[in-house]
Amino acid sequence: MAKSKTPAKRARRAEANRLRNKAYKSKLKTTIKQYENAIIAEDLDTASNKLLQVTSLLDRSITKGILHKNNVARKKSALSKKLNSISQ
């Protein structure tokens, strides 16, 4: 642990941010898994609704600084391709 006040506070803030980011990423991964399960079941209505939720969560992760914008763009593209493949 840090010896003076300022580094100790930074350490506390870093830990709080880490836990917040971990919870957000877990929520994101769960929603992506639900989307992929809907794709496997070929349920277009559920899959399209889940894709909207996943896209919204991914976009918010950029503004919160959790994921990089190129990483998010790559994920959204791959998820959209999966939906388009079963809808044709």
PDB file of N, CA and C in Angstrom:
ATOM      1  N   MET A   1       0.835  -1.185   0.000  1.00  0.00           N
ATOM      2  CA  MET A   1       0.000   0.000   0.000  1.00  0.00           C
ATOM      3  C   MET A   1       0.875   1.241   0.000  1.00  0.00           C
ATOM      4  N   ALA A   2       0.353   2.315  -0.539  1.00  0.00           N
ATOM      5  CA  ALA A   2       1.102   3.565  -0.640  1.00  0.00           C
ATOM      6  C   ALA A   2       1.295   4.203   0.734  1.00  0.00           C
ATOM      7  N   LYS A   3       2.359   4.990   0.836  1.00  0.00           N
ATOM      8  CA  LYS A   3       2.697   5.598   2.125  1.00  0.00           C
ATOM      9  C   LYS A   3       2.026   6.948   2.341  1.00  0.00           C
ATOM     10  N   SER A   4       1.863   7.722   1.285  1.00  0.00           N
ATOM     11  CA  SER A   4       1.272   9.047   1.467  1.00  0.00           C
ATOM     12  C   SER A   4      -0.181   9.061   0.980  1.00  0.00           C
ATOM     13  N   LYS A   5      -0.849  10.182   1.218  1.00  0.00           N
ATOM     14  CA  LYS A   5      -2.288  10.271   0.960  1.00  0.00           C
ATOM     15  C   LYS A   5      -2.648  10.156  -0.519  1.00  0.00           C
ATOM     16  N   THR A   6      -1.951  10.892  -1.366  1.00  0.00           N
ATOM     17  CA  THR A   6      -2.331  10.959  -2.775  1.00  0.00           C
ATOM     18  C   THR A   6      -2.210   9.606  -3.488  1.00  0.00           C
ATOM     19  N   PRO A   7      -1.082   8.907  -3.364  1.00  0.00           N
ATOM     20  CA  PRO A   7      -1.015   7.589  -4.003  1.00  0.00           C
ATOM     21  C   PRO A   7      -2.005   6.584  -3.412  1.00  0.00           C
ATOM     22  N   ALA A   8      -2.298   6.722  -2.138  1.00  0.00           N
ATOM     23  CA  ALA A   8      -3.269   5.824  -1.507  1.00  0.00           C
ATOM     24  C   ALA A   8      -4.661   6.058  -2.097  1.00  0.00           C
ATOM     25  N   LYS A   9      -4.987   7.318  -2.303  1.00  0.00           N
ATOM     26  CA  LYS A   9      -6.289   7.642  -2.901  1.00  0.00           C
ATOM     27  C   LYS A   9      -6.348   7.126  -4.332  1.00  0.00           C
ATOM     28  N   ARG A  10      -5.276   7.291  -5.093  1.00  0.00           N
ATOM     29  CA  ARG A  10      -5.241   6.795  -6.472  1.00  0.00           C
ATOM     30  C   ARG A  10      -5.429   5.278  -6.491  1.00  0.00           C
ATOM     31  N   ALA A  11      -4.826   4.584  -5.541  1.00  0.00           N
ATOM     32  CA  ALA A  11      -4.958   3.131  -5.465  1.00  0.00           C
ATOM     33  C   ALA A  11      -6.404   2.746  -5.172  1.00  0.00           C
ATOM     34  N   ARG A  12      -7.059   3.471  -4.275  1.00  0.00           N
ATOM     35  CA  ARG A  12      -8.471   3.186  -3.967  1.00  0.00           C
ATOM     36  C   ARG A  12      -9.347   3.433  -5.192  1.00  0.00           C
ATOM     37  N   ARG A  13      -9.107   4.542  -5.893  1.00  0.00           N
ATOM     38  CA  ARG A  13      -9.908   4.869  -7.087  1.00  0.00           C
ATOM     39  C   ARG A  13      -9.679   3.834  -8.188  1.00  0.00           C
ATOM     40  N   ALA A  14      -8.423   3.406  -8.352  1.00  0.00           N
ATOM     41  CA  ALA A  14      -8.104   2.420  -9.389  1.00  0.00           C
ATOM     42  C   ALA A  14      -8.820   1.100  -9.107  1.00  0.00           C
ATOM     43  N   GLU A  15      -8.874   0.719  -7.857  1.00  0.00           N
ATOM     44  CA  GLU A  15      -9.563  -0.534  -7.485  1.00  0.00           C
ATOM     45  C   GLU A  15     -11.065  -0.413  -7.723  1.00  0.00           C
ATOM     46  N   ALA A  16     -11.638   0.729  -7.376  1.00  0.00           N
ATOM     47  CA  ALA A  16     -13.068   0.944  -7.603  1.00  0.00           C
ATOM     48  C   ALA A  16     -13.383   0.918  -9.095  1.00  0.00           C
ATOM     49  N   ASN A  17     -12.540   1.557  -9.901  1.00  0.00           N
ATOM     50  CA  ASN A  17     -12.740   1.552 -11.348  1.00  0.00           C
ATOM     51  C   ASN A  17     -12.599   0.151 -11.925  1.00  0.00           C
ATOM     52  N   ARG A  18     -11.646  -0.607 -11.416  1.00  0.00           N
ATOM     53  CA  ARG A  18     -11.430  -1.971 -11.892  1.00  0.00           C
ATOM     54  C   ARG A  18     -12.662  -2.828 -11.643  1.00  0.00           C
ATOM     55  N   LEU A  19     -13.235  -2.711 -10.456  1.00  0.00           N
ATOM     56  CA  LEU A  19     -14.419  -3.497 -10.122  1.00  0.00           C
ATOM     57  C   LEU A  19     -15.621  -3.072 -10.967  1.00  0.00           C
ATOM     58  N   ARG A  20     -15.763  -1.765 -11.202  1.00  0.00           N
ATOM     59  CA  ARG A  20     -16.866  -1.271 -12.022  1.00  0.00           C
ATOM     60  C   ARG A  20     -16.726  -1.783 -13.453  1.00  0.00           C
ATOM     61  N   ASN A  21     -15.514  -1.702 -14.002  1.00  0.00           N
ATOM     62  CA  ASN A  21     -15.274  -2.176 -15.362  1.00  0.00           C
ATOM     63  C   ASN A  21     -15.501  -3.674 -15.482  1.00  0.00           C
ATOM     64  N   LYS A  22     -15.106  -4.413 -14.448  1.00  0.00           N
ATOM     65  CA  LYS A  22     -15.287  -5.868 -14.443  1.00  0.00           C
ATOM     66  C   LYS A  22     -16.770  -6.218 -14.483  1.00  0.00           C
ATOM     67  N   ALA A  23     -17.576  -5.518 -13.703  1.00  0.00           N
ATOM     68  CA  ALA A  23     -19.019  -5.772 -13.677  1.00  0.00           C
ATOM     69  C   ALA A  23     -19.646  -5.427 -15.026  1.00  0.00           C
ATOM     70  N   TYR A  24     -19.219  -4.330 -15.631  1.00  0.00           N
ATOM     71  CA  TYR A  24     -19.778  -3.917 -16.917  1.00  0.00           C
ATOM     72  C   TYR A  24     -19.413  -4.919 -18.004  1.00  0.00           C
ATOM     73  N   LYS A  25     -18.165  -5.385 -18.014  1.00  0.00           N
ATOM     74  CA  LYS A  25     -17.743  -6.368 -19.014  1.00  0.00           C
ATOM     75  C   LYS A  25     -18.490  -7.686 -18.832  1.00  0.00           C
ATOM     76  N   SER A  26     -18.745  -8.064 -17.599  1.00  0.00           N
ATOM     77  CA  SER A  26     -19.492  -9.287 -17.334  1.00  0.00           C
ATOM     78  C   SER A  26     -20.906  -9.182 -17.876  1.00  0.00           C
ATOM     79  N   LYS A  27     -21.551  -8.046 -17.656  1.00  0.00           N
ATOM     80  CA  LYS A  27     -22.897  -7.809 -18.184  1.00  0.00           C
ATOM     81  C   LYS A  27     -22.890  -7.861 -19.706  1.00  0.00           C
ATOM     82  N   LEU A  28     -21.877  -7.286 -20.308  1.00  0.00           N
ATOM     83  CA  LEU A  28     -21.754  -7.267 -21.762  1.00  0.00           C
ATOM     84  C   LEU A  28     -21.582  -8.682 -22.311  1.00  0.00           C
ATOM     85  N   LYS A  29     -20.725  -9.472 -21.683  1.00  0.00           N
ATOM     86  CA  LYS A  29     -20.494 -10.838 -22.133  1.00  0.00           C
ATOM     87  C   LYS A  29     -21.752 -11.688 -21.997  1.00  0.00           C
ATOM     88  N   THR A  30     -22.510 -11.495 -20.922  1.00  0.00           N
ATOM     89  CA  THR A  30     -23.751 -12.237 -20.718  1.00  0.00           C
ATOM     90  C   THR A  30     -24.751 -11.918 -21.810  1.00  0.00           C
ATOM     91  N   THR A  31     -24.879 -10.651 -22.159  1.00  0.00           N
ATOM     92  CA  THR A  31     -25.821 -10.244 -23.199  1.00  0.00           C
ATOM     93  C   THR A  31     -25.395 -10.795 -24.556  1.00  0.00           C
ATOM     94  N   ILE A  32     -24.098 -10.827 -24.825  1.00  0.00           N
ATOM     95  CA  ILE A  32     -23.605 -11.384 -26.088  1.00  0.00           C
ATOM     96  C   ILE A  32     -23.901 -12.877 -26.150  1.00  0.00           C
ATOM     97  N   LYS A  33     -23.742 -13.586 -25.043  1.00  0.00           N
ATOM     98  CA  LYS A  33     -24.044 -15.018 -25.021  1.00  0.00           C
ATOM     99  C   LYS A  33     -25.528 -15.261 -25.265  1.00  0.00           C
ATOM    100  N   GLN A  34     -26.394 -14.422 -24.684  1.00  0.00           N
ATOM    101  CA  GLN A  34     -27.832 -14.561 -24.923  1.00  0.00           C
ATOM    102  C   GLN A  34     -28.149 -14.321 -26.388  1.00  0.00           C
ATOM    103  N   TYR A  35     -27.483 -13.353 -26.993  1.00  0.00           N
ATOM    104  CA  TYR A  35     -27.664 -13.075 -28.421  1.00  0.00           C
ATOM    105  C   TYR A  35     -27.232 -14.277 -29.260  1.00  0.00           C
ATOM    106  N   GLU A  36     -26.075 -14.843 -28.945  1.00  0.00           N
ATOM    107  CA  GLU A  36     -25.576 -15.987 -29.710  1.00  0.00           C
ATOM    108  C   GLU A  36     -26.463 -17.213 -29.534  1.00  0.00           C
ATOM    109  N   ASN A  37     -27.044 -17.385 -28.348  1.00  0.00           N
ATOM    110  CA  ASN A  37     -27.986 -18.494 -28.147  1.00  0.00           C
ATOM    111  C   ASN A  37     -29.238 -18.301 -28.996  1.00  0.00           C
ATOM    112  N   ALA A  38     -29.695 -17.074 -29.133  1.00  0.00           N
ATOM    113  CA  ALA A  38     -30.844 -16.783 -29.993  1.00  0.00           C
ATOM    114  C   ALA A  38     -30.498 -17.042 -31.452  1.00  0.00           C
ATOM    115  N   ILE A  39     -29.258 -16.760 -31.841  1.00  0.00           N
ATOM    116  CA  ILE A  39     -28.808 -17.038 -33.214  1.00  0.00           C
ATOM    117  C   ILE A  39     -28.806 -18.543 -33.461  1.00  0.00           C
ATOM    118  N   ILE A  40     -28.297 -19.302 -32.509  1.00  0.00           N
ATOM    119  CA  ILE A  40     -28.246 -20.759 -32.650  1.00  0.00           C
ATOM    120  C   ILE A  40     -29.650 -21.330 -32.772  1.00  0.00           C
ATOM    121  N   ALA A  41     -30.578 -20.787 -31.981  1.00  0.00           N
ATOM    122  CA  ALA A  41     -31.967 -21.251 -32.019  1.00  0.00           C
ATOM    123  C   ALA A  41     -32.719 -20.702 -33.228  1.00  0.00           C
ATOM    124  N   GLU A  42     -32.064 -19.820 -33.991  1.00  0.00           N
ATOM    125  CA  GLU A  42     -32.646 -19.182 -35.177  1.00  0.00           C
ATOM    126  C   GLU A  42     -33.939 -18.433 -34.850  1.00  0.00           C
ATOM    127  N   ASP A  43     -33.947 -17.771 -33.708  1.00  0.00           N
ATOM    128  CA  ASP A  43     -35.073 -16.946 -33.282  1.00  0.00           C
ATOM    129  C   ASP A  43     -34.763 -15.500 -33.676  1.00  0.00           C
ATOM    130  N   LEU A  44     -35.277 -15.073 -34.819  1.00  0.00           N
ATOM    131  CA  LEU A  44     -34.921 -13.762 -35.370  1.00  0.00           C
ATOM    132  C   LEU A  44     -35.386 -12.598 -34.506  1.00  0.00           C
ATOM    133  N   ASP A  45     -36.592 -12.696 -33.936  1.00  0.00           N
ATOM    134  CA  ASP A  45     -37.099 -11.584 -33.122  1.00  0.00           C
ATOM    135  C   ASP A  45     -36.227 -11.360 -31.895  1.00  0.00           C
ATOM    136  N   THR A  46     -35.963 -12.438 -31.158  1.00  0.00           N
ATOM    137  CA  THR A  46     -35.129 -12.323 -29.960  1.00  0.00           C
ATOM    138  C   THR A  46     -33.716 -11.883 -30.327  1.00  0.00           C
ATOM    139  N   ALA A  47     -33.190 -12.445 -31.405  1.00  0.00           N
ATOM    140  CA  ALA A  47     -31.825 -12.110 -31.813  1.00  0.00           C
ATOM    141  C   ALA A  47     -31.712 -10.637 -32.188  1.00  0.00           C
ATOM    142  N   SER A  48     -32.697 -10.113 -32.904  1.00  0.00           N
ATOM    143  CA  SER A  48     -32.610  -8.704 -33.295  1.00  0.00           C
ATOM    144  C   SER A  48     -32.744  -7.787 -32.080  1.00  0.00           C
ATOM    145  N   ASN A  49     -33.599  -8.163 -31.125  1.00  0.00           N
ATOM    146  CA  ASN A  49     -33.710  -7.365 -29.892  1.00  0.00           C
ATOM    147  C   ASN A  49     -32.411  -7.405 -29.090  1.00  0.00           C
ATOM    148  N   LYS A  50     -31.815  -8.587 -28.987  1.00  0.00           N
ATOM    149  CA  LYS A  50     -30.558  -8.723 -28.245  1.00  0.00           C
ATOM    150  C   LYS A  50     -29.431  -7.971 -28.950  1.00  0.00           C
ATOM    151  N   LEU A  51     -29.462  -7.952 -30.293  1.00  0.00           N
ATOM    152  CA  LEU A  51     -28.433  -7.206 -31.023  1.00  0.00           C
ATOM    153  C   LEU A  51     -28.525  -5.715 -30.705  1.00  0.00           C
ATOM    154  N   LEU A  52     -29.729  -5.195 -30.590  1.00  0.00           N
ATOM    155  CA  LEU A  52     -29.895  -3.788 -30.210  1.00  0.00           C
ATOM    156  C   LEU A  52     -29.336  -3.535 -28.814  1.00  0.00           C
ATOM    157  N   GLN A  53     -29.606  -4.455 -27.883  1.00  0.00           N
ATOM    158  CA  GLN A  53     -29.092  -4.304 -26.520  1.00  0.00           C
ATOM    159  C   GLN A  53     -27.568  -4.356 -26.499  1.00  0.00           C
ATOM    160  N   VAL A  54     -27.012  -5.330 -27.232  1.00  0.00           N
ATOM    161  CA  VAL A  54     -25.555  -5.481 -27.259  1.00  0.00           C
ATOM    162  C   VAL A  54     -24.905  -4.253 -27.879  1.00  0.00           C
ATOM    163  N   THR A  55     -25.483  -3.754 -28.972  1.00  0.00           N
ATOM    164  CA  THR A  55     -24.936  -2.573 -29.633  1.00  0.00           C
ATOM    165  C   THR A  55     -24.952  -1.370 -28.699  1.00  0.00           C
ATOM    166  N   SER A  56     -26.043  -1.220 -27.970  1.00  0.00           N
ATOM    167  CA  SER A  56     -26.144  -0.108 -27.028  1.00  0.00           C
ATOM    168  C   SER A  56     -25.087  -0.230 -25.928  1.00  0.00           C
ATOM    169  N   LEU A  57     -24.928  -1.429 -25.376  1.00  0.00           N
ATOM    170  CA  LEU A  57     -23.923  -1.630 -24.325  1.00  0.00           C
ATOM    171  C   LEU A  57     -22.514  -1.387 -24.855  1.00  0.00           C
ATOM    172  N   LEU A  58     -22.252  -1.849 -26.076  1.00  0.00           N
ATOM    173  CA  LEU A  58     -20.928  -1.649 -26.658  1.00  0.00           C
ATOM    174  C   LEU A  58     -20.646  -0.166 -26.875  1.00  0.00           C
ATOM    175  N   ASP A  59     -21.635   0.566 -27.383  1.00  0.00           N
ATOM    176  CA  ASP A  59     -21.436   2.002 -27.604  1.00  0.00           C
ATOM    177  C   ASP A  59     -21.192   2.737 -26.292  1.00  0.00           C
ATOM    178  N   ARG A  60     -21.917   2.339 -25.250  1.00  0.00           N
ATOM    179  CA  ARG A  60     -21.709   2.970 -23.945  1.00  0.00           C
ATOM    180  C   ARG A  60     -20.336   2.649 -23.379  1.00  0.00           C
ATOM    181  N   SER A  61     -19.814   1.453 -23.702  1.00  0.00           N
ATOM    182  CA  SER A  61     -18.503   1.078 -23.177  1.00  0.00           C
ATOM    183  C   SER A  61     -17.397   1.971 -23.742  1.00  0.00           C
ATOM    184  N   ILE A  62     -17.624   2.535 -24.937  1.00  0.00           N
ATOM    185  CA  ILE A  62     -16.639   3.457 -25.497  1.00  0.00           C
ATOM    186  C   ILE A  62     -16.605   4.732 -24.663  1.00  0.00           C
ATOM    187  N   THR A  63     -17.787   5.288 -24.393  1.00  0.00           N
ATOM    188  CA  THR A  63     -17.842   6.554 -23.668  1.00  0.00           C
ATOM    189  C   THR A  63     -17.363   6.405 -22.228  1.00  0.00           C
ATOM    190  N   LYS A  64     -17.529   5.226 -21.645  1.00  0.00           N
ATOM    191  CA  LYS A  64     -17.075   5.006 -20.278  1.00  0.00           C
ATOM    192  C   LYS A  64     -15.585   4.663 -20.221  1.00  0.00           C
ATOM    193  N   GLY A  65     -14.971   4.452 -21.384  1.00  0.00           N
ATOM    194  CA  GLY A  65     -13.541   4.151 -21.421  1.00  0.00           C
ATOM    195  C   GLY A  65     -13.221   2.723 -21.078  1.00  0.00           C
ATOM    196  N   ILE A  66     -14.155   1.822 -21.260  1.00  0.00           N
ATOM    197  CA  ILE A  66     -13.937   0.426 -20.916  1.00  0.00           C
ATOM    198  C   ILE A  66     -13.329  -0.333 -22.092  1.00  0.00           C
ATOM    199  N   LEU A  67     -13.832  -0.065 -23.302  1.00  0.00           N
ATOM    200  CA  LEU A  67     -13.318  -0.707 -24.503  1.00  0.00           C
ATOM    201  C   LEU A  67     -12.898   0.360 -25.514  1.00  0.00           C
ATOM    202  N   HIS A  68     -11.967  -0.005 -26.386  1.00  0.00           N
ATOM    203  CA  HIS A  68     -11.513   0.900 -27.434  1.00  0.00           C
ATOM    204  C   HIS A  68     -12.520   0.909 -28.580  1.00  0.00           C
ATOM    205  N   LYS A  69     -12.624   2.036 -29.272  1.00  0.00           N
ATOM    206  CA  LYS A  69     -13.645   2.176 -30.309  1.00  0.00           C
ATOM    207  C   LYS A  69     -13.456   1.203 -31.465  1.00  0.00           C
ATOM    208  N   ASN A  70     -12.217   0.875 -31.828  1.00  0.00           N
ATOM    209  CA  ASN A  70     -11.985  -0.077 -32.913  1.00  0.00           C
ATOM    210  C   ASN A  70     -12.363  -1.496 -32.494  1.00  0.00           C
ATOM    211  N   ASN A  71     -12.112  -1.814 -31.238  1.00  0.00           N
ATOM    212  CA  ASN A  71     -12.510  -3.114 -30.700  1.00  0.00           C
ATOM    213  C   ASN A  71     -14.025  -3.247 -30.752  1.00  0.00           C
ATOM    214  N   VAL A  72     -14.728  -2.199 -30.380  1.00  0.00           N
ATOM    215  CA  VAL A  72     -16.198  -2.205 -30.386  1.00  0.00           C
ATOM    216  C   VAL A  72     -16.717  -2.321 -31.815  1.00  0.00           C
ATOM    217  N   ALA A  73     -16.105  -1.593 -32.735  1.00  0.00           N
ATOM    218  CA  ALA A  73     -16.535  -1.656 -34.135  1.00  0.00           C
ATOM    219  C   ALA A  73     -16.370  -3.071 -34.679  1.00  0.00           C
ATOM    220  N   ARG A  74     -15.281  -3.712 -34.329  1.00  0.00           N
ATOM    221  CA  ARG A  74     -15.030  -5.082 -34.785  1.00  0.00           C
ATOM    222  C   ARG A  74     -16.065  -6.051 -34.216  1.00  0.00           C
ATOM    223  N   LYS A  75     -16.399  -5.896 -32.935  1.00  0.00           N
ATOM    224  CA  LYS A  75     -17.393  -6.765 -32.301  1.00  0.00           C
ATOM    225  C   LYS A  75     -18.774  -6.564 -32.913  1.00  0.00           C
ATOM    226  N   LYS A  76     -19.173  -5.304 -33.118  1.00  0.00           N
ATOM    227  CA  LYS A  76     -20.492  -5.021 -33.683  1.00  0.00           C
ATOM    228  C   LYS A  76     -20.607  -5.580 -35.102  1.00  0.00           C
ATOM    229  N   SER A  77     -19.548  -5.473 -35.871  1.00  0.00           N
ATOM    230  CA  SER A  77     -19.557  -5.984 -37.232  1.00  0.00           C
ATOM    231  C   SER A  77     -19.723  -7.502 -37.241  1.00  0.00           C
ATOM    232  N   ALA A  78     -18.982  -8.185 -36.389  1.00  0.00           N
ATOM    233  CA  ALA A  78     -19.055  -9.649 -36.336  1.00  0.00           C
ATOM    234  C   ALA A  78     -20.438 -10.113 -35.882  1.00  0.00           C
ATOM    235  N   LEU A  79     -21.013  -9.426 -34.898  1.00  0.00           N
ATOM    236  CA  LEU A  79     -22.339  -9.810 -34.405  1.00  0.00           C
ATOM    237  C   LEU A  79     -23.413  -9.553 -35.453  1.00  0.00           C
ATOM    238  N   SER A  80     -23.285  -8.469 -36.193  1.00  0.00           N
ATOM    239  CA  SER A  80     -24.256  -8.158 -37.243  1.00  0.00           C
ATOM    240  C   SER A  80     -24.183  -9.188 -38.367  1.00  0.00           C
ATOM    241  N   LYS A  81     -22.985  -9.633 -38.695  1.00  0.00           N
ATOM    242  CA  LYS A  81     -22.820 -10.651 -39.737  1.00  0.00           C
ATOM    243  C   LYS A  81     -23.532 -11.947 -39.362  1.00  0.00           C
ATOM    244  N   LYS A  82     -23.476 -12.301 -38.082  1.00  0.00           N
ATOM    245  CA  LYS A  82     -24.147 -13.526 -37.636  1.00  0.00           C
ATOM    246  C   LYS A  82     -25.657 -13.422 -37.837  1.00  0.00           C
ATOM    247  N   LEU A  83     -26.221 -12.276 -37.503  1.00  0.00           N
ATOM    248  CA  LEU A  83     -27.667 -12.093 -37.682  1.00  0.00           C
ATOM    249  C   LEU A  83     -28.025 -12.102 -39.159  1.00  0.00           C
ATOM    250  N   ASN A  84     -27.220 -11.445 -39.978  1.00  0.00           N
ATOM    251  CA  ASN A  84     -27.501 -11.406 -41.410  1.00  0.00           C
ATOM    252  C   ASN A  84     -27.387 -12.784 -42.053  1.00  0.00           C
ATOM    253  N   SER A  85     -26.531 -13.638 -41.533  1.00  0.00           N
ATOM    254  CA  SER A  85     -26.342 -14.962 -42.111  1.00  0.00           C
ATOM    255  C   SER A  85     -27.573 -15.848 -41.902  1.00  0.00           C
ATOM    256  N   ILE A  86     -28.272 -15.690 -40.772  1.00  0.00           N
ATOM    257  CA  ILE A  86     -29.452 -16.531 -40.551  1.00  0.00           C
ATOM    258  C   ILE A  86     -30.716 -15.903 -41.110  1.00  0.00           C
ATOM    259  N   SER A  87     -30.703 -14.597 -41.370  1.00  0.00           N
ATOM    260  CA  SER A  87     -31.904 -13.940 -41.857  1.00  0.00           C
ATOM    261  C   SER A  87     -32.075 -14.118 -43.370  1.00  0.00           C
ATOM    262  N   GLN A  88     -31.031 -14.574 -44.054  1.00  0.00           N
ATOM    263  CA  GLN A  88     -31.129 -14.745 -45.511  1.00  0.00           C
ATOM    264  C   GLN A  88     -31.576 -16.125 -45.903  1.00  0.00           C
TER     265      GLN A  88
END
